Amino acid sequence: IVADIHFHYKRALEAADAGAACLRINPGNL
């Protein structure tokens, strides 16, 4: 499962801890 994250970096942290295999982000948007 890939977690789609756009602007809020904390969603990425939560998704990683929840077991997402991949984070879809734009690092510059964080």
PDB file of all heavy atoms in Angstrom:
ATOM      1  N   ILE A   1       0.841  -1.195   0.000  1.00  0.00           N
ATOM      2  CA  ILE A   1       0.000   0.000   0.000  1.00  0.00           C
ATOM      3  C   ILE A   1       0.879   1.248   0.000  1.00  0.00           C
ATOM      4  O   ILE A   1       1.799   1.389   0.816  1.00  0.00           O
ATOM      5  CB  ILE A   1      -0.929   0.022   1.238  1.00  0.00           C
ATOM      6  CG1 ILE A   1      -1.850  -1.198   1.226  1.00  0.00           C
ATOM      7  CG2 ILE A   1      -1.741   1.315   1.278  1.00  0.00           C
ATOM      8  CD1 ILE A   1      -2.776  -1.293   0.021  1.00  0.00           C
ATOM      9  N   VAL A   2       0.589   2.143  -0.934  1.00  0.00           N
ATOM     10  CA  VAL A   2       1.268   3.435  -1.025  1.00  0.00           C
ATOM     11  C   VAL A   2       0.359   4.490  -0.406  1.00  0.00           C
ATOM     12  O   VAL A   2      -0.825   4.568  -0.746  1.00  0.00           O
ATOM     13  CB  VAL A   2       1.574   3.803  -2.487  1.00  0.00           C
ATOM     14  CG1 VAL A   2       2.233   5.179  -2.574  1.00  0.00           C
ATOM     15  CG2 VAL A   2       2.457   2.744  -3.131  1.00  0.00           C
ATOM     16  N   ALA A   3       0.903   5.283   0.498  1.00  0.00           N
ATOM     17  CA  ALA A   3       0.137   6.370   1.117  1.00  0.00           C
ATOM     18  C   ALA A   3       0.396   7.659   0.355  1.00  0.00           C
ATOM     19  O   ALA A   3       1.545   8.076   0.187  1.00  0.00           O
ATOM     20  CB  ALA A   3       0.534   6.532   2.578  1.00  0.00           C
ATOM     21  N   ASP A   4      -0.668   8.277  -0.115  1.00  0.00           N
ATOM     22  CA  ASP A   4      -0.571   9.502  -0.904  1.00  0.00           C
ATOM     23  C   ASP A   4      -0.610  10.708   0.035  1.00  0.00           C
ATOM     24  O   ASP A   4      -1.628  10.972   0.687  1.00  0.00           O
ATOM     25  CB  ASP A   4      -1.738   9.563  -1.895  1.00  0.00           C
ATOM     26  CG  ASP A   4      -1.549  10.657  -2.916  1.00  0.00           C
ATOM     27  OD1 ASP A   4      -0.715  10.468  -3.807  1.00  0.00           O
ATOM     28  OD2 ASP A   4      -2.246  11.688  -2.830  1.00  0.00           O
ATOM     29  N   ILE A   5       0.493  11.429   0.126  1.00  0.00           N
ATOM     30  CA  ILE A   5       0.628  12.572   1.030  1.00  0.00           C
ATOM     31  C   ILE A   5       0.912  13.809   0.190  1.00  0.00           C
ATOM     32  O   ILE A   5       1.753  13.776  -0.710  1.00  0.00           O
ATOM     33  CB  ILE A   5       1.807  12.374   2.017  1.00  0.00           C
ATOM     34  CG1 ILE A   5       1.755  10.982   2.666  1.00  0.00           C
ATOM     35  CG2 ILE A   5       1.837  13.484   3.062  1.00  0.00           C
ATOM     36  CD1 ILE A   5       0.569  10.731   3.554  1.00  0.00           C
ATOM     37  N   HIS A   6       0.249  14.914   0.544  1.00  0.00           N
ATOM     38  CA  HIS A   6       0.516  16.112  -0.241  1.00  0.00           C
ATOM     39  C   HIS A   6       1.252  17.185   0.553  1.00  0.00           C
ATOM     40  O   HIS A   6       2.415  17.457   0.289  1.00  0.00           O
ATOM     41  CB  HIS A   6      -0.770  16.643  -0.873  1.00  0.00           C
ATOM     42  CG  HIS A   6      -1.118  15.906  -2.127  1.00  0.00           C
ATOM     43  ND1 HIS A   6      -0.582  16.232  -3.348  1.00  0.00           N
ATOM     44  CD2 HIS A   6      -1.903  14.825  -2.341  1.00  0.00           C
ATOM     45  CE1 HIS A   6      -1.015  15.391  -4.279  1.00  0.00           C
ATOM     46  NE2 HIS A   6      -1.826  14.527  -3.686  1.00  0.00           N
ATOM     47  N   PHE A   7       0.612  17.794   1.519  1.00  0.00           N
ATOM     48  CA  PHE A   7       1.251  18.949   2.138  1.00  0.00           C
ATOM     49  C   PHE A   7       1.657  18.744   3.599  1.00  0.00           C
ATOM     50  O   PHE A   7       2.615  19.352   4.055  1.00  0.00           O
ATOM     51  CB  PHE A   7       0.333  20.174   2.042  1.00  0.00           C
ATOM     52  CG  PHE A   7       0.052  20.563   0.614  1.00  0.00           C
ATOM     53  CD1 PHE A   7      -1.173  20.326   0.040  1.00  0.00           C
ATOM     54  CD2 PHE A   7       1.045  21.155  -0.155  1.00  0.00           C
ATOM     55  CE1 PHE A   7      -1.418  20.678  -1.282  1.00  0.00           C
ATOM     56  CE2 PHE A   7       0.809  21.510  -1.481  1.00  0.00           C
ATOM     57  CZ  PHE A   7      -0.428  21.270  -2.038  1.00  0.00           C
ATOM     58  N   HIS A   8       0.942  17.916   4.338  1.00  0.00           N
ATOM     59  CA  HIS A   8       1.211  17.831   5.773  1.00  0.00           C
ATOM     60  C   HIS A   8       2.148  16.687   6.075  1.00  0.00           C
ATOM     61  O   HIS A   8       1.798  15.517   5.960  1.00  0.00           O
ATOM     62  CB  HIS A   8      -0.102  17.675   6.560  1.00  0.00           C
ATOM     63  CG  HIS A   8      -0.006  18.270   7.931  1.00  0.00           C
ATOM     64  ND1 HIS A   8       0.925  17.830   8.845  1.00  0.00           N
ATOM     65  CD2 HIS A   8      -0.685  19.275   8.520  1.00  0.00           C
ATOM     66  CE1 HIS A   8       0.790  18.543   9.964  1.00  0.00           C
ATOM     67  NE2 HIS A   8      -0.167  19.432   9.789  1.00  0.00           N
ATOM     68  N   TYR A   9       3.345  17.024   6.498  1.00  0.00           N
ATOM     69  CA  TYR A   9       4.369  16.007   6.697  1.00  0.00           C
ATOM     70  C   TYR A   9       4.002  15.014   7.796  1.00  0.00           C
ATOM     71  O   TYR A   9       4.437  13.860   7.782  1.00  0.00           O
ATOM     72  CB  TYR A   9       5.717  16.674   7.007  1.00  0.00           C
ATOM     73  CG  TYR A   9       5.880  17.158   8.419  1.00  0.00           C
ATOM     74  CD1 TYR A   9       6.655  16.437   9.328  1.00  0.00           C
ATOM     75  CD2 TYR A   9       5.282  18.330   8.866  1.00  0.00           C
ATOM     76  CE1 TYR A   9       6.820  16.876  10.634  1.00  0.00           C
ATOM     77  CE2 TYR A   9       5.436  18.772  10.148  1.00  0.00           C
ATOM     78  CZ  TYR A   9       6.206  18.048  11.040  1.00  0.00           C
ATOM     79  OH  TYR A   9       6.359  18.482  12.340  1.00  0.00           O
ATOM     80  N   LYS A  10       3.185  15.458   8.769  1.00  0.00           N
ATOM     81  CA  LYS A  10       2.819  14.539   9.851  1.00  0.00           C
ATOM     82  C   LYS A  10       1.996  13.354   9.335  1.00  0.00           C
ATOM     83  O   LYS A  10       2.052  12.268   9.901  1.00  0.00           O
ATOM     84  CB  LYS A  10       2.047  15.286  10.944  1.00  0.00           C
ATOM     85  CG  LYS A  10       2.939  16.189  11.781  1.00  0.00           C
ATOM     86  CD  LYS A  10       2.201  16.754  12.983  1.00  0.00           C
ATOM     87  CE  LYS A  10       3.151  17.582  13.851  1.00  0.00           C
ATOM     88  NZ  LYS A  10       2.457  18.147  15.032  1.00  0.00           N
ATOM     89  N   ARG A  11       1.222  13.564   8.253  1.00  0.00           N
ATOM     90  CA  ARG A  11       0.492  12.433   7.662  1.00  0.00           C
ATOM     91  C   ARG A  11       1.479  11.383   7.126  1.00  0.00           C
ATOM     92  O   ARG A  11       1.228  10.190   7.197  1.00  0.00           O
ATOM     93  CB  ARG A  11      -0.409  12.914   6.531  1.00  0.00           C
ATOM     94  CG  ARG A  11      -1.441  13.959   6.869  1.00  0.00           C
ATOM     95  CD  ARG A  11      -2.525  13.475   7.827  1.00  0.00           C
ATOM     96  NE  ARG A  11      -2.101  13.549   9.210  1.00  0.00           N
ATOM     97  CZ  ARG A  11      -2.062  14.690   9.935  1.00  0.00           C
ATOM     98  NH1 ARG A  11      -2.386  15.842   9.404  1.00  0.00           N
ATOM     99  NH2 ARG A  11      -1.677  14.648  11.212  1.00  0.00           N
ATOM    100  N   ALA A  12       2.611  11.870   6.619  1.00  0.00           N
ATOM    101  CA  ALA A  12       3.624  10.939   6.126  1.00  0.00           C
ATOM    102  C   ALA A  12       4.221  10.134   7.275  1.00  0.00           C
ATOM    103  O   ALA A  12       4.453   8.918   7.159  1.00  0.00           O
ATOM    104  CB  ALA A  12       4.720  11.695   5.379  1.00  0.00           C
ATOM    105  N   LEU A  13       4.491  10.800   8.388  1.00  0.00           N
ATOM    106  CA  LEU A  13       5.031  10.104   9.563  1.00  0.00           C
ATOM    107  C   LEU A  13       4.044   9.053  10.061  1.00  0.00           C
ATOM    108  O   LEU A  13       4.427   7.911  10.378  1.00  0.00           O
ATOM    109  CB  LEU A  13       5.342  11.105  10.679  1.00  0.00           C
ATOM    110  CG  LEU A  13       6.255  12.287  10.329  1.00  0.00           C
ATOM    111  CD1 LEU A  13       6.472  13.177  11.561  1.00  0.00           C
ATOM    112  CD2 LEU A  13       7.589  11.796   9.795  1.00  0.00           C
ATOM    113  N   GLU A  14       2.773   9.442  10.123  1.00  0.00           N
ATOM    114  CA  GLU A  14       1.743   8.504  10.598  1.00  0.00           C
ATOM    115  C   GLU A  14       1.577   7.328   9.641  1.00  0.00           C
ATOM    116  O   GLU A  14       1.425   6.178  10.074  1.00  0.00           O
ATOM    117  CB  GLU A  14       0.409   9.256  10.754  1.00  0.00           C
ATOM    118  CG  GLU A  14       0.417  10.303  11.847  1.00  0.00           C
ATOM    119  CD  GLU A  14      -0.654  11.368  11.683  1.00  0.00           C
ATOM    120  OE1 GLU A  14      -1.446  11.286  10.698  1.00  0.00           O
ATOM    121  OE2 GLU A  14      -0.708  12.290  12.511  1.00  0.00           O
ATOM    122  N   ALA A  15       1.628   7.613   8.343  1.00  0.00           N
ATOM    123  CA  ALA A  15       1.463   6.547   7.349  1.00  0.00           C
ATOM    124  C   ALA A  15       2.629   5.559   7.404  1.00  0.00           C
ATOM    125  O   ALA A  15       2.435   4.346   7.289  1.00  0.00           O
ATOM    126  CB  ALA A  15       1.345   7.151   5.950  1.00  0.00           C
ATOM    127  N   ALA A  16       3.832   6.080   7.568  1.00  0.00           N
ATOM    128  CA  ALA A  16       4.994   5.194   7.676  1.00  0.00           C
ATOM    129  C   ALA A  16       4.864   4.287   8.893  1.00  0.00           C
ATOM    130  O   ALA A  16       5.111   3.077   8.817  1.00  0.00           O
ATOM    131  CB  ALA A  16       6.275   6.023   7.752  1.00  0.00           C
ATOM    132  N   ASP A  17       4.457   4.865  10.008  1.00  0.00           N
ATOM    133  CA  ASP A  17       4.290   4.067  11.229  1.00  0.00           C
ATOM    134  C   ASP A  17       3.151   3.065  11.102  1.00  0.00           C
ATOM    135  O   ASP A  17       3.163   2.015  11.753  1.00  0.00           O
ATOM    136  CB  ASP A  17       4.026   4.984  12.432  1.00  0.00           C
ATOM    137  CG  ASP A  17       5.267   5.766  12.853  1.00  0.00           C
ATOM    138  OD1 ASP A  17       6.378   5.337  12.485  1.00  0.00           O
ATOM    139  OD2 ASP A  17       5.120   6.794  13.536  1.00  0.00           O
ATOM    140  N   ALA A  18       2.164   3.377  10.233  1.00  0.00           N
ATOM    141  CA  ALA A  18       1.009   2.484  10.056  1.00  0.00           C
ATOM    142  C   ALA A  18       1.304   1.318   9.122  1.00  0.00           C
ATOM    143  O   ALA A  18       0.462   0.437   8.949  1.00  0.00           O
ATOM    144  CB  ALA A  18      -0.188   3.275   9.530  1.00  0.00           C
ATOM    145  N   GLY A  19       2.474   1.328   8.502  1.00  0.00           N
ATOM    146  CA  GLY A  19       2.853   0.183   7.678  1.00  0.00           C
ATOM    147  C   GLY A  19       2.800   0.403   6.185  1.00  0.00           C
ATOM    148  O   GLY A  19       2.906  -0.563   5.415  1.00  0.00           O
ATOM    149  N   ALA A  20       2.657   1.657   5.738  1.00  0.00           N
ATOM    150  CA  ALA A  20       2.677   1.915   4.293  1.00  0.00           C
ATOM    151  C   ALA A  20       4.007   1.447   3.711  1.00  0.00           C
ATOM    152  O   ALA A  20       5.065   1.637   4.311  1.00  0.00           O
ATOM    153  CB  ALA A  20       2.479   3.401   4.009  1.00  0.00           C
ATOM    154  N   ALA A  21       3.939   0.827   2.548  1.00  0.00           N
ATOM    155  CA  ALA A  21       5.159   0.346   1.895  1.00  0.00           C
ATOM    156  C   ALA A  21       5.880   1.467   1.165  1.00  0.00           C
ATOM    157  O   ALA A  21       7.075   1.354   0.871  1.00  0.00           O
ATOM    158  CB  ALA A  21       4.821  -0.774   0.918  1.00  0.00           C
ATOM    159  N   CYS A  22       5.151   2.537   0.871  1.00  0.00           N
ATOM    160  CA  CYS A  22       5.723   3.648   0.105  1.00  0.00           C
ATOM    161  C   CYS A  22       4.947   4.910   0.433  1.00  0.00           C
ATOM    162  O   CYS A  22       3.738   4.854   0.706  1.00  0.00           O
ATOM    163  CB  CYS A  22       5.646   3.335  -1.392  1.00  0.00           C
ATOM    164  SG  CYS A  22       6.349   4.594  -2.488  1.00  0.00           S
ATOM    165  N   LEU A  23       5.634   6.034   0.417  1.00  0.00           N
ATOM    166  CA  LEU A  23       5.005   7.337   0.617  1.00  0.00           C
ATOM    167  C   LEU A  23       5.097   8.107  -0.685  1.00  0.00           C
ATOM    168  O   LEU A  23       6.181   8.267  -1.244  1.00  0.00           O
ATOM    169  CB  LEU A  23       5.721   8.121   1.720  1.00  0.00           C
ATOM    170  CG  LEU A  23       5.878   7.426   3.071  1.00  0.00           C
ATOM    171  CD1 LEU A  23       6.735   8.273   3.997  1.00  0.00           C
ATOM    172  CD2 LEU A  23       4.517   7.143   3.697  1.00  0.00           C
ATOM    173  N   ARG A  24       3.958   8.578  -1.167  1.00  0.00           N
ATOM    174  CA  ARG A  24       3.961   9.409  -2.369  1.00  0.00           C
ATOM    175  C   ARG A  24       3.970  10.852  -1.895  1.00  0.00           C
ATOM    176  O   ARG A  24       2.992  11.337  -1.307  1.00  0.00           O
ATOM    177  CB  ARG A  24       2.734   9.110  -3.225  1.00  0.00           C
ATOM    178  CG  ARG A  24       2.723   9.816  -4.587  1.00  0.00           C
ATOM    179  CD  ARG A  24       2.185  11.200  -4.491  1.00  0.00           C
ATOM    180  NE  ARG A  24       1.996  11.831  -5.799  1.00  0.00           N
ATOM    181  CZ  ARG A  24       1.760  13.116  -5.981  1.00  0.00           C
ATOM    182  NH1 ARG A  24       1.709  13.943  -4.949  1.00  0.00           N
ATOM    183  NH2 ARG A  24       1.575  13.595  -7.183  1.00  0.00           N
ATOM    184  N   ILE A  25       5.088  11.555  -2.122  1.00  0.00           N
ATOM    185  CA  ILE A  25       5.220  12.932  -1.655  1.00  0.00           C
ATOM    186  C   ILE A  25       5.945  13.765  -2.705  1.00  0.00           C
ATOM    187  O   ILE A  25       6.542  13.246  -3.626  1.00  0.00           O
ATOM    188  CB  ILE A  25       6.024  13.017  -0.333  1.00  0.00           C
ATOM    189  CG1 ILE A  25       7.454  12.487  -0.538  1.00  0.00           C
ATOM    190  CG2 ILE A  25       5.327  12.296   0.805  1.00  0.00           C
ATOM    191  CD1 ILE A  25       8.374  12.740   0.638  1.00  0.00           C
ATOM    192  N   ASN A  26       5.863  15.070  -2.521  1.00  0.00           N
ATOM    193  CA  ASN A  26       6.786  16.010  -3.148  1.00  0.00           C
ATOM    194  C   ASN A  26       7.579  16.608  -2.002  1.00  0.00           C
ATOM    195  O   ASN A  26       7.024  17.412  -1.227  1.00  0.00           O
ATOM    196  CB  ASN A  26       6.051  17.105  -3.916  1.00  0.00           C
ATOM    197  CG  ASN A  26       5.642  16.661  -5.304  1.00  0.00           C
ATOM    198  OD1 ASN A  26       6.027  15.592  -5.745  1.00  0.00           O
ATOM    199  ND2 ASN A  26       4.862  17.470  -5.978  1.00  0.00           N
ATOM    200  N   PRO A  27       8.843  16.238  -1.826  1.00  0.00           N
ATOM    201  CA  PRO A  27       9.596  16.728  -0.665  1.00  0.00           C
ATOM    202  C   PRO A  27       9.562  18.243  -0.513  1.00  0.00           C
ATOM    203  O   PRO A  27       9.530  18.760   0.607  1.00  0.00           O
ATOM    204  CB  PRO A  27      11.017  16.219  -0.945  1.00  0.00           C
ATOM    205  CG  PRO A  27      10.819  15.004  -1.780  1.00  0.00           C
ATOM    206  CD  PRO A  27       9.643  15.309  -2.654  1.00  0.00           C
ATOM    207  N   GLY A  28       9.538  18.957  -1.638  1.00  0.00           N
ATOM    208  CA  GLY A  28       9.525  20.415  -1.573  1.00  0.00           C
ATOM    209  C   GLY A  28       8.249  20.991  -0.992  1.00  0.00           C
ATOM    210  O   GLY A  28       8.218  22.161  -0.595  1.00  0.00           O
ATOM    211  N   ASN A  29       7.183  20.194  -0.933  1.00  0.00           N
ATOM    212  CA  ASN A  29       5.915  20.672  -0.386  1.00  0.00           C
ATOM    213  C   ASN A  29       5.828  20.509   1.126  1.00  0.00           C
ATOM    214  O   ASN A  29       4.842  20.924   1.733  1.00  0.00           O
ATOM    215  CB  ASN A  29       4.740  19.914  -1.005  1.00  0.00           C
ATOM    216  CG  ASN A  29       4.508  20.282  -2.452  1.00  0.00           C
ATOM    217  OD1 ASN A  29       5.033  21.275  -2.930  1.00  0.00           O
ATOM    218  ND2 ASN A  29       3.728  19.472  -3.153  1.00  0.00           N
ATOM    219  N   LEU A  30       6.830  19.871   1.725  1.00  0.00           N
ATOM    220  CA  LEU A  30       6.728  19.532   3.148  1.00  0.00           C
ATOM    221  C   LEU A  30       7.071  20.691   4.071  1.00  0.00           C
ATOM    222  O   LEU A  30       6.846  20.609   5.267  1.00  0.00           O
ATOM    223  CB  LEU A  30       7.616  18.324   3.458  1.00  0.00           C
ATOM    224  CG  LEU A  30       7.230  17.042   2.714  1.00  0.00           C
ATOM    225  CD1 LEU A  30       8.158  15.911   3.110  1.00  0.00           C
ATOM    226  CD2 LEU A  30       5.777  16.662   2.973  1.00  0.00           C
TER     227      LEU A  30
END
